[in-house]
Amino acid sequence: MASAFSHAIASAALGKVYSGAKQPLKFWLLAAFCAVVPDADVIGFRFGIAYESMFGHRGFTHSIVFAVFLALVVVLLFFKEAETGSKHFYLLVFFFFCCTLSHPVLDAMTTGGLGVAFFSPFSNERYFFSFRPIKVSPLTIQQFIGEWGWRVIKSELLWVWLPSFAVIGLAKLLRSFKLWKS
């Protein structure tokens, strides 16, 4: 997996692309939550759920179906002001869907693991992208502290953080020239 830090940074970049307007704190916190929550599946290891199981790591919680479900739940629970069926409602759902889906997309670009079950629950087949520059992050905090974690951070700075900040800068630049409305 990419680290939780990088998943949150990617969602922040998506948020800046989504809107140049000031967003409430809940918007940013929920964006980060959606980007990080797919890794809650690691709890399954403690209950004997096999990595390669549909409910194992990078299984169902890393799927497109889960991203749609989580986005709908987040908007229905936390954005009651967005009338169901309105353009604002669908834009919020799409945004939180993208935040959630950014997680498995980044994971599919890592150098380790068994791949990502994008199409779960319909298929448990795991996928990686052919372009995999991100060093896989350890699953425990203890493993993250040290040389392995430092390699991951360097990799993510180059392949996640730098592009995320470039996207944020480009969105601001385009908005400043009135070339992009939000």
N, C-alpha and C. Protein backbone atom coordinates (compact mmCIF):
# COMPACT_ATOMS: atom_id res chain seq x y z
N MET A 1 0.83 -1.18 0.00
CA MET A 1 0.00 0.00 0.00
C MET A 1 0.87 1.24 0.00
N ALA A 2 0.34 2.30 -0.50
CA ALA A 2 0.97 3.59 -0.28
C ALA A 2 0.62 3.97 1.16
N SER A 3 1.38 4.84 1.77
CA SER A 3 1.13 5.18 3.18
C SER A 3 -0.14 6.02 3.31
N ALA A 4 -0.70 6.03 4.52
CA ALA A 4 -1.91 6.81 4.79
C ALA A 4 -1.68 8.29 4.50
N PHE A 5 -0.45 8.77 4.74
CA PHE A 5 -0.14 10.16 4.48
C PHE A 5 -0.36 10.50 3.01
N SER A 6 0.14 9.65 2.14
CA SER A 6 0.04 9.92 0.71
C SER A 6 -1.39 9.78 0.20
N HIS A 7 -2.14 8.84 0.76
CA HIS A 7 -3.55 8.74 0.37
C HIS A 7 -4.28 10.04 0.73
N ALA A 8 -4.00 10.60 1.88
CA ALA A 8 -4.65 11.85 2.30
C ALA A 8 -4.21 13.02 1.42
N ILE A 9 -2.94 13.07 1.06
CA ILE A 9 -2.44 14.15 0.19
C ILE A 9 -3.12 14.09 -1.18
N ALA A 10 -3.28 12.89 -1.71
CA ALA A 10 -3.95 12.73 -3.01
C ALA A 10 -5.39 13.24 -2.93
N SER A 11 -6.08 12.96 -1.82
CA SER A 11 -7.46 13.44 -1.69
C SER A 11 -7.51 14.97 -1.56
N ALA A 12 -6.50 15.55 -0.94
CA ALA A 12 -6.44 17.02 -0.84
C ALA A 12 -6.28 17.63 -2.23
N ALA A 13 -5.47 17.01 -3.06
CA ALA A 13 -5.31 17.50 -4.44
C ALA A 13 -6.64 17.40 -5.19
N LEU A 14 -7.33 16.29 -5.01
CA LEU A 14 -8.64 16.14 -5.65
C LEU A 14 -9.61 17.22 -5.17
N GLY A 15 -9.54 17.54 -3.88
CA GLY A 15 -10.40 18.57 -3.32
C GLY A 15 -10.13 19.93 -3.92
N LYS A 16 -8.86 20.24 -4.17
CA LYS A 16 -8.51 21.53 -4.77
C LYS A 16 -8.94 21.59 -6.23
N VAL A 17 -8.96 20.45 -6.90
CA VAL A 17 -9.44 20.42 -8.28
C VAL A 17 -10.97 20.52 -8.28
N TYR A 18 -11.59 19.87 -7.32
CA TYR A 18 -13.06 19.87 -7.22
C TYR A 18 -13.61 21.29 -7.13
N SER A 19 -12.97 22.09 -6.30
CA SER A 19 -13.50 23.43 -6.10
C SER A 19 -12.42 24.39 -5.63
N GLY A 20 -12.44 25.57 -6.19
CA GLY A 20 -11.54 26.61 -5.72
C GLY A 20 -12.14 27.37 -4.56
N ALA A 21 -13.43 27.13 -4.31
CA ALA A 21 -14.12 27.81 -3.21
C ALA A 21 -13.70 27.20 -1.88
N LYS A 22 -13.80 28.00 -0.84
CA LYS A 22 -13.47 27.53 0.51
C LYS A 22 -14.48 26.43 0.88
N GLN A 23 -13.96 25.32 1.35
CA GLN A 23 -14.79 24.20 1.75
C GLN A 23 -14.77 24.05 3.27
N PRO A 24 -15.86 23.54 3.85
CA PRO A 24 -15.87 23.36 5.30
C PRO A 24 -14.88 22.27 5.73
N LEU A 25 -14.49 22.31 6.98
CA LEU A 25 -13.55 21.34 7.52
C LEU A 25 -14.03 19.91 7.30
N LYS A 26 -15.34 19.67 7.43
CA LYS A 26 -15.85 18.30 7.24
C LYS A 26 -15.56 17.78 5.84
N PHE A 27 -15.56 18.65 4.86
CA PHE A 27 -15.24 18.26 3.48
C PHE A 27 -13.84 17.67 3.42
N TRP A 28 -12.87 18.36 4.02
CA TRP A 28 -11.47 17.93 3.97
C TRP A 28 -11.25 16.68 4.82
N LEU A 29 -11.86 16.65 5.99
CA LEU A 29 -11.70 15.47 6.86
C LEU A 29 -12.32 14.23 6.22
N LEU A 30 -13.49 14.40 5.61
CA LEU A 30 -14.14 13.25 4.96
C LEU A 30 -13.40 12.83 3.69
N ALA A 31 -12.81 13.77 2.99
CA ALA A 31 -12.00 13.42 1.82
C ALA A 31 -10.83 12.55 2.24
N ALA A 32 -10.13 12.96 3.30
CA ALA A 32 -9.01 12.17 3.82
C ALA A 32 -9.50 10.82 4.33
N PHE A 33 -10.62 10.81 5.03
CA PHE A 33 -11.20 9.56 5.54
C PHE A 33 -11.47 8.59 4.39
N CYS A 34 -12.13 9.08 3.35
CA CYS A 34 -12.45 8.22 2.20
C CYS A 34 -11.19 7.66 1.54
N ALA A 35 -10.15 8.47 1.50
CA ALA A 35 -8.91 8.04 0.86
C ALA A 35 -8.13 7.04 1.70
N VAL A 36 -8.34 7.04 3.00
CA VAL A 36 -7.57 6.17 3.90
C VAL A 36 -8.35 4.92 4.31
N VAL A 37 -9.66 5.01 4.43
CA VAL A 37 -10.47 3.94 5.01
C VAL A 37 -10.38 2.59 4.29
N PRO A 38 -10.09 2.51 3.01
CA PRO A 38 -9.99 1.17 2.42
C PRO A 38 -8.99 0.26 3.15
N ASP A 39 -7.98 0.83 3.78
CA ASP A 39 -7.01 0.00 4.50
C ASP A 39 -7.50 -0.50 5.85
N ALA A 40 -8.74 -0.18 6.21
CA ALA A 40 -9.32 -0.75 7.43
C ALA A 40 -9.39 -2.27 7.30
N ASP A 41 -9.29 -2.77 6.08
CA ASP A 41 -9.34 -4.21 5.87
C ASP A 41 -8.17 -4.97 6.50
N VAL A 42 -7.11 -4.27 6.90
CA VAL A 42 -5.99 -4.97 7.54
C VAL A 42 -6.40 -5.53 8.90
N ILE A 43 -7.49 -5.04 9.46
CA ILE A 43 -8.00 -5.60 10.71
C ILE A 43 -8.32 -7.09 10.53
N GLY A 44 -8.66 -7.45 9.31
CA GLY A 44 -8.99 -8.85 9.03
C GLY A 44 -7.87 -9.82 9.36
N PHE A 45 -6.63 -9.36 9.29
CA PHE A 45 -5.50 -10.23 9.64
C PHE A 45 -5.64 -10.74 11.07
N ARG A 46 -6.10 -9.89 11.96
CA ARG A 46 -6.26 -10.28 13.38
C ARG A 46 -7.36 -11.33 13.58
N PHE A 47 -8.28 -11.41 12.61
CA PHE A 47 -9.38 -12.36 12.71
C PHE A 47 -9.21 -13.56 11.79
N GLY A 48 -8.00 -13.70 11.27
CA GLY A 48 -7.70 -14.86 10.44
C GLY A 48 -8.20 -14.79 9.01
N ILE A 49 -8.61 -13.62 8.56
CA ILE A 49 -9.05 -13.48 7.17
C ILE A 49 -7.81 -13.44 6.29
N ALA A 50 -7.75 -14.33 5.34
CA ALA A 50 -6.58 -14.43 4.47
C ALA A 50 -6.45 -13.20 3.58
N TYR A 51 -5.22 -12.81 3.34
CA TYR A 51 -4.91 -11.66 2.48
C TYR A 51 -5.67 -11.77 1.16
N GLU A 52 -5.65 -12.95 0.55
CA GLU A 52 -6.22 -13.12 -0.78
C GLU A 52 -7.74 -13.28 -0.79
N SER A 53 -8.37 -13.29 0.39
CA SER A 53 -9.83 -13.38 0.49
C SER A 53 -10.48 -12.11 -0.06
N MET A 54 -11.74 -12.23 -0.46
CA MET A 54 -12.46 -11.05 -0.94
C MET A 54 -12.48 -9.97 0.14
N PHE A 55 -12.50 -10.38 1.41
CA PHE A 55 -12.51 -9.41 2.50
C PHE A 55 -11.13 -9.23 3.11
N GLY A 56 -10.11 -9.78 2.46
CA GLY A 56 -8.73 -9.60 2.89
C GLY A 56 -8.20 -8.25 2.43
N HIS A 57 -6.93 -8.02 2.70
CA HIS A 57 -6.30 -6.75 2.33
C HIS A 57 -6.32 -6.54 0.82
N ARG A 58 -6.72 -5.36 0.42
CA ARG A 58 -6.87 -4.95 -0.97
C ARG A 58 -7.98 -5.72 -1.69
N GLY A 59 -8.94 -6.20 -0.90
CA GLY A 59 -10.11 -6.90 -1.45
C GLY A 59 -11.26 -5.93 -1.65
N PHE A 60 -12.42 -6.28 -1.09
CA PHE A 60 -13.65 -5.52 -1.32
C PHE A 60 -13.52 -4.03 -1.00
N THR A 61 -12.84 -3.68 0.09
CA THR A 61 -12.74 -2.26 0.45
C THR A 61 -11.89 -1.46 -0.53
N HIS A 62 -11.27 -2.13 -1.48
CA HIS A 62 -10.48 -1.47 -2.51
C HIS A 62 -11.18 -1.52 -3.87
N SER A 63 -12.46 -1.84 -3.85
CA SER A 63 -13.20 -2.02 -5.11
C SER A 63 -13.95 -0.77 -5.54
N ILE A 64 -14.36 -0.77 -6.78
CA ILE A 64 -15.18 0.31 -7.34
C ILE A 64 -16.53 0.34 -6.64
N VAL A 65 -17.11 -0.83 -6.38
CA VAL A 65 -18.40 -0.91 -5.70
C VAL A 65 -18.31 -0.28 -4.31
N PHE A 66 -17.26 -0.59 -3.57
CA PHE A 66 -17.08 0.00 -2.24
C PHE A 66 -16.96 1.52 -2.34
N ALA A 67 -16.22 2.01 -3.34
CA ALA A 67 -16.04 3.46 -3.51
C ALA A 67 -17.38 4.16 -3.75
N VAL A 68 -18.23 3.55 -4.57
CA VAL A 68 -19.56 4.12 -4.82
C VAL A 68 -20.38 4.12 -3.53
N PHE A 69 -20.39 2.98 -2.85
CA PHE A 69 -21.15 2.85 -1.61
C PHE A 69 -20.70 3.85 -0.56
N LEU A 70 -19.40 3.95 -0.32
CA LEU A 70 -18.89 4.87 0.69
C LEU A 70 -19.20 6.32 0.32
N ALA A 71 -19.05 6.68 -0.94
CA ALA A 71 -19.34 8.05 -1.37
C ALA A 71 -20.80 8.40 -1.11
N LEU A 72 -21.71 7.51 -1.43
CA LEU A 72 -23.13 7.75 -1.19
C LEU A 72 -23.42 7.91 0.30
N VAL A 73 -22.86 7.03 1.12
CA VAL A 73 -23.07 7.11 2.56
C VAL A 73 -22.54 8.42 3.13
N VAL A 74 -21.35 8.80 2.72
CA VAL A 74 -20.75 10.05 3.22
C VAL A 74 -21.62 11.25 2.87
N VAL A 75 -22.06 11.33 1.64
CA VAL A 75 -22.87 12.48 1.23
C VAL A 75 -24.23 12.47 1.91
N LEU A 76 -24.87 11.31 1.99
CA LEU A 76 -26.18 11.23 2.64
C LEU A 76 -26.11 11.56 4.13
N LEU A 77 -25.04 11.15 4.80
CA LEU A 77 -24.92 11.39 6.23
C LEU A 77 -24.41 12.78 6.59
N PHE A 78 -23.49 13.30 5.80
CA PHE A 78 -22.79 14.51 6.20
C PHE A 78 -23.08 15.76 5.36
N PHE A 79 -23.80 15.59 4.27
CA PHE A 79 -24.11 16.74 3.41
C PHE A 79 -25.60 16.79 3.13
N LYS A 80 -26.37 16.85 4.21
CA LYS A 80 -27.83 16.86 4.10
C LYS A 80 -28.34 18.09 3.34
N GLU A 81 -27.51 19.15 3.28
CA GLU A 81 -27.90 20.34 2.55
C GLU A 81 -27.90 20.11 1.03
N ALA A 82 -27.24 19.06 0.58
CA ALA A 82 -27.22 18.72 -0.84
C ALA A 82 -28.46 17.87 -1.13
N GLU A 83 -29.43 18.47 -1.78
CA GLU A 83 -30.68 17.76 -2.05
C GLU A 83 -30.42 16.54 -2.92
N THR A 84 -30.92 15.39 -2.46
CA THR A 84 -30.73 14.14 -3.21
C THR A 84 -31.23 14.31 -4.63
N GLY A 85 -30.39 13.96 -5.58
CA GLY A 85 -30.74 14.08 -6.99
C GLY A 85 -30.31 15.38 -7.63
N SER A 86 -29.86 16.33 -6.82
CA SER A 86 -29.44 17.62 -7.38
C SER A 86 -28.03 17.49 -7.97
N LYS A 87 -27.67 18.49 -8.76
CA LYS A 87 -26.33 18.52 -9.34
C LYS A 87 -25.27 18.54 -8.24
N HIS A 88 -25.50 19.34 -7.20
CA HIS A 88 -24.56 19.42 -6.07
C HIS A 88 -24.39 18.06 -5.41
N PHE A 89 -25.49 17.34 -5.21
CA PHE A 89 -25.45 16.01 -4.61
C PHE A 89 -24.56 15.08 -5.44
N TYR A 90 -24.80 15.04 -6.75
CA TYR A 90 -24.03 14.12 -7.61
C TYR A 90 -22.56 14.53 -7.71
N LEU A 91 -22.29 15.81 -7.70
CA LEU A 91 -20.90 16.26 -7.72
C LEU A 91 -20.17 15.85 -6.45
N LEU A 92 -20.84 15.96 -5.31
CA LEU A 92 -20.23 15.52 -4.05
C LEU A 92 -20.00 14.01 -4.05
N VAL A 93 -20.99 13.26 -4.51
CA VAL A 93 -20.83 11.79 -4.58
C VAL A 93 -19.66 11.45 -5.48
N PHE A 94 -19.58 12.10 -6.63
CA PHE A 94 -18.47 11.82 -7.55
C PHE A 94 -17.13 12.18 -6.91
N PHE A 95 -17.08 13.31 -6.20
CA PHE A 95 -15.84 13.71 -5.54
C PHE A 95 -15.41 12.67 -4.51
N PHE A 96 -16.30 12.27 -3.61
CA PHE A 96 -15.92 11.29 -2.58
C PHE A 96 -15.67 9.91 -3.17
N PHE A 97 -16.33 9.59 -4.27
CA PHE A 97 -16.01 8.36 -5.01
C PHE A 97 -14.56 8.43 -5.50
N CYS A 98 -14.18 9.55 -6.08
CA CYS A 98 -12.80 9.71 -6.58
C CYS A 98 -11.78 9.63 -5.44
N CYS A 99 -12.10 10.25 -4.31
CA CYS A 99 -11.20 10.18 -3.15
C CYS A 99 -11.01 8.73 -2.71
N THR A 100 -12.10 7.99 -2.61
CA THR A 100 -12.03 6.60 -2.18
C THR A 100 -11.30 5.76 -3.21
N LEU A 101 -11.61 5.96 -4.48
CA LEU A 101 -10.97 5.17 -5.53
C LEU A 101 -9.51 5.52 -5.73
N SER A 102 -9.11 6.72 -5.30
CA SER A 102 -7.69 7.08 -5.41
C SER A 102 -6.82 6.11 -4.61
N HIS A 103 -7.38 5.56 -3.55
CA HIS A 103 -6.62 4.62 -2.72
C HIS A 103 -6.22 3.36 -3.49
N PRO A 104 -7.17 2.60 -4.05
CA PRO A 104 -6.74 1.41 -4.79
C PRO A 104 -5.94 1.75 -6.05
N VAL A 105 -6.18 2.90 -6.64
CA VAL A 105 -5.38 3.29 -7.81
C VAL A 105 -3.92 3.43 -7.41
N LEU A 106 -3.67 4.13 -6.30
CA LEU A 106 -2.28 4.26 -5.82
C LEU A 106 -1.71 2.90 -5.42
N ASP A 107 -2.52 2.08 -4.75
CA ASP A 107 -2.04 0.75 -4.35
C ASP A 107 -1.67 -0.11 -5.56
N ALA A 108 -2.39 0.06 -6.66
CA ALA A 108 -2.09 -0.71 -7.87
C ALA A 108 -0.81 -0.23 -8.53
N MET A 109 -0.25 0.85 -8.03
CA MET A 109 1.01 1.38 -8.56
C MET A 109 2.19 1.08 -7.64
N THR A 110 1.97 0.22 -6.63
CA THR A 110 3.03 -0.10 -5.69
C THR A 110 3.80 -1.35 -6.13
N THR A 111 4.92 -1.54 -5.48
CA THR A 111 5.83 -2.63 -5.85
C THR A 111 5.57 -3.94 -5.11
N GLY A 112 4.53 -4.02 -4.32
CA GLY A 112 4.33 -5.25 -3.56
C GLY A 112 2.88 -5.58 -3.31
N GLY A 113 2.67 -6.69 -2.66
CA GLY A 113 1.33 -7.16 -2.35
C GLY A 113 0.81 -8.10 -3.40
N LEU A 114 -0.49 -8.36 -3.33
CA LEU A 114 -1.11 -9.31 -4.25
C LEU A 114 -1.95 -8.64 -5.33
N GLY A 115 -1.93 -7.33 -5.35
CA GLY A 115 -2.75 -6.60 -6.32
C GLY A 115 -4.03 -6.11 -5.68
N VAL A 116 -4.87 -5.48 -6.49
CA VAL A 116 -6.09 -4.83 -6.01
C VAL A 116 -7.30 -5.47 -6.68
N ALA A 117 -8.32 -5.79 -5.87
CA ALA A 117 -9.55 -6.41 -6.38
C ALA A 117 -10.54 -5.30 -6.79
N PHE A 118 -10.24 -4.59 -7.85
CA PHE A 118 -11.07 -3.48 -8.30
C PHE A 118 -12.52 -3.89 -8.54
N PHE A 119 -12.75 -5.13 -8.99
CA PHE A 119 -14.09 -5.54 -9.40
C PHE A 119 -14.81 -6.42 -8.39
N SER A 120 -14.30 -6.45 -7.15
CA SER A 120 -14.98 -7.17 -6.09
C SER A 120 -16.31 -6.48 -5.83
N PRO A 121 -17.37 -7.14 -5.52
CA PRO A 121 -17.53 -8.55 -5.19
C PRO A 121 -17.80 -9.46 -6.39
N PHE A 122 -17.76 -8.91 -7.60
CA PHE A 122 -18.05 -9.71 -8.78
C PHE A 122 -16.87 -10.58 -9.19
N SER A 123 -15.67 -10.13 -8.87
CA SER A 123 -14.46 -10.89 -9.15
C SER A 123 -13.43 -10.54 -8.08
N ASN A 124 -12.73 -11.55 -7.62
CA ASN A 124 -11.68 -11.31 -6.64
C ASN A 124 -10.31 -11.27 -7.30
N GLU A 125 -10.29 -11.23 -8.63
CA GLU A 125 -9.01 -11.14 -9.33
C GLU A 125 -8.31 -9.84 -8.93
N ARG A 126 -7.02 -9.95 -8.70
CA ARG A 126 -6.23 -8.80 -8.26
C ARG A 126 -5.43 -8.23 -9.42
N TYR A 127 -5.31 -6.92 -9.42
CA TYR A 127 -4.64 -6.22 -10.51
C TYR A 127 -3.57 -5.26 -9.99
N PHE A 128 -2.53 -5.12 -10.78
CA PHE A 128 -1.54 -4.06 -10.63
C PHE A 128 -1.50 -3.33 -11.97
N PHE A 129 -1.10 -2.07 -11.94
CA PHE A 129 -0.84 -1.37 -13.19
C PHE A 129 0.55 -1.76 -13.67
N SER A 130 0.79 -1.60 -14.94
CA SER A 130 2.13 -1.94 -15.45
C SER A 130 3.17 -0.92 -14.97
N PHE A 131 2.73 0.28 -14.66
CA PHE A 131 3.61 1.32 -14.12
C PHE A 131 3.50 1.27 -12.60
N ARG A 132 4.56 0.79 -11.92
CA ARG A 132 4.51 0.57 -10.47
C ARG A 132 5.73 1.20 -9.78
N PRO A 133 5.79 2.54 -9.74
CA PRO A 133 6.98 3.19 -9.18
C PRO A 133 6.95 3.40 -7.66
N ILE A 134 5.79 3.21 -7.03
CA ILE A 134 5.66 3.52 -5.60
C ILE A 134 6.10 2.33 -4.76
N LYS A 135 7.05 2.56 -3.87
CA LYS A 135 7.52 1.49 -2.98
C LYS A 135 6.37 1.10 -2.05
N VAL A 136 6.16 -0.20 -1.91
CA VAL A 136 5.08 -0.68 -1.05
C VAL A 136 5.38 -0.36 0.41
N SER A 137 4.37 0.11 1.10
CA SER A 137 4.51 0.50 2.51
C SER A 137 4.29 -0.72 3.40
N PRO A 138 5.01 -0.78 4.51
CA PRO A 138 4.77 -1.88 5.46
C PRO A 138 3.38 -1.75 6.08
N LEU A 139 2.87 -2.86 6.61
CA LEU A 139 1.53 -2.87 7.17
C LEU A 139 1.48 -2.43 8.64
N THR A 140 2.62 -2.34 9.29
CA THR A 140 2.62 -1.94 10.70
C THR A 140 3.46 -0.67 10.90
N ILE A 141 3.11 0.07 11.94
CA ILE A 141 3.85 1.29 12.26
C ILE A 141 5.30 0.95 12.63
N GLN A 142 5.48 -0.16 13.36
CA GLN A 142 6.83 -0.56 13.77
C GLN A 142 7.73 -0.80 12.55
N GLN A 143 7.18 -1.42 11.52
CA GLN A 143 7.96 -1.67 10.31
C GLN A 143 8.21 -0.39 9.53
N PHE A 144 7.30 0.57 9.68
CA PHE A 144 7.41 1.82 8.93
C PHE A 144 8.56 2.68 9.43
N ILE A 145 8.86 2.57 10.73
CA ILE A 145 9.94 3.36 11.32
C ILE A 145 11.26 2.67 10.99
N GLY A 146 12.07 3.34 10.19
CA GLY A 146 13.35 2.75 9.80
C GLY A 146 13.60 2.90 8.31
N GLU A 147 14.51 2.10 7.81
CA GLU A 147 14.95 2.19 6.41
C GLU A 147 13.81 1.94 5.43
N TRP A 148 12.99 0.92 5.68
CA TRP A 148 11.88 0.62 4.77
C TRP A 148 10.94 1.82 4.67
N GLY A 149 10.56 2.36 5.81
CA GLY A 149 9.67 3.52 5.82
C GLY A 149 10.27 4.72 5.10
N TRP A 150 11.56 4.93 5.28
CA TRP A 150 12.23 6.06 4.62
C TRP A 150 12.22 5.87 3.10
N ARG A 151 12.43 4.64 2.62
CA ARG A 151 12.36 4.38 1.18
C ARG A 151 10.95 4.66 0.64
N VAL A 152 9.96 4.29 1.41
CA VAL A 152 8.57 4.52 1.02
C VAL A 152 8.30 6.02 0.93
N ILE A 153 8.69 6.75 1.96
CA ILE A 153 8.45 8.21 1.98
C ILE A 153 9.12 8.88 0.78
N LYS A 154 10.37 8.53 0.50
CA LYS A 154 11.06 9.13 -0.66
C LYS A 154 10.32 8.82 -1.95
N SER A 155 9.88 7.60 -2.10
CA SER A 155 9.15 7.19 -3.29
C SER A 155 7.83 7.96 -3.41
N GLU A 156 7.12 8.08 -2.30
CA GLU A 156 5.83 8.76 -2.33
C GLU A 156 5.96 10.27 -2.53
N LEU A 157 7.04 10.85 -2.00
CA LEU A 157 7.27 12.27 -2.26
C LEU A 157 7.39 12.53 -3.75
N LEU A 158 8.09 11.64 -4.44
CA LEU A 158 8.30 11.80 -5.88
C LEU A 158 7.04 11.45 -6.69
N TRP A 159 6.37 10.35 -6.36
CA TRP A 159 5.31 9.83 -7.22
C TRP A 159 3.89 10.18 -6.78
N VAL A 160 3.72 10.71 -5.56
CA VAL A 160 2.37 11.09 -5.10
C VAL A 160 2.34 12.56 -4.70
N TRP A 161 3.20 12.96 -3.79
CA TRP A 161 3.15 14.32 -3.27
C TRP A 161 3.48 15.36 -4.34
N LEU A 162 4.57 15.19 -5.04
CA LEU A 162 4.97 16.15 -6.07
C LEU A 162 3.88 16.30 -7.14
N PRO A 163 3.36 15.21 -7.71
CA PRO A 163 2.26 15.38 -8.67
C PRO A 163 1.01 16.01 -8.05
N SER A 164 0.72 15.67 -6.79
CA SER A 164 -0.45 16.25 -6.12
C SER A 164 -0.30 17.77 -6.00
N PHE A 165 0.87 18.22 -5.57
CA PHE A 165 1.09 19.66 -5.45
C PHE A 165 1.12 20.33 -6.82
N ALA A 166 1.59 19.64 -7.83
CA ALA A 166 1.57 20.18 -9.19
C ALA A 166 0.12 20.35 -9.68
N VAL A 167 -0.73 19.39 -9.38
CA VAL A 167 -2.14 19.48 -9.76
C VAL A 167 -2.81 20.64 -9.03
N ILE A 168 -2.52 20.80 -7.74
CA ILE A 168 -3.08 21.91 -6.98
C ILE A 168 -2.63 23.24 -7.58
N GLY A 169 -1.34 23.35 -7.89
CA GLY A 169 -0.81 24.57 -8.50
C GLY A 169 -1.43 24.86 -9.85
N LEU A 170 -1.57 23.83 -10.67
CA LEU A 170 -2.16 24.00 -11.99
C LEU A 170 -3.62 24.44 -11.88
N ALA A 171 -4.37 23.84 -10.96
CA ALA A 171 -5.77 24.24 -10.76
C ALA A 171 -5.86 25.70 -10.34
N LYS A 172 -4.99 26.13 -9.42
CA LYS A 172 -4.99 27.53 -8.98
C LYS A 172 -4.62 28.46 -10.13
N LEU A 173 -3.63 28.07 -10.91
CA LEU A 173 -3.19 28.89 -12.04
C LEU A 173 -4.32 29.04 -13.08
N LEU A 174 -4.95 27.94 -13.43
CA LEU A 174 -6.04 28.00 -14.41
C LEU A 174 -7.20 28.85 -13.90
N ARG A 175 -7.49 28.72 -12.61
CA ARG A 175 -8.57 29.53 -12.04
C ARG A 175 -8.19 31.02 -12.02
N SER A 176 -6.91 31.33 -11.76
CA SER A 176 -6.49 32.73 -11.70
C SER A 176 -6.60 33.40 -13.07
N PHE A 177 -6.48 32.62 -14.14
CA PHE A 177 -6.62 33.15 -15.49
C PHE A 177 -8.04 32.97 -16.01
N LYS A 178 -8.93 32.54 -15.11
CA LYS A 178 -10.35 32.32 -15.46
C LYS A 178 -10.50 31.30 -16.60
N LEU A 179 -9.57 30.35 -16.67
CA LEU A 179 -9.63 29.31 -17.68
C LEU A 179 -10.38 28.08 -17.16
N TRP A 180 -10.69 28.09 -15.86
CA TRP A 180 -11.35 26.94 -15.26
C TRP A 180 -12.27 27.44 -14.16
N LYS A 181 -13.54 27.12 -14.30
CA LYS A 181 -14.51 27.50 -13.29
C LYS A 181 -14.79 26.31 -12.39
N SER A 182 -15.17 26.60 -11.17
CA SER A 182 -15.60 25.52 -10.28
C SER A 182 -16.73 26.00 -9.42
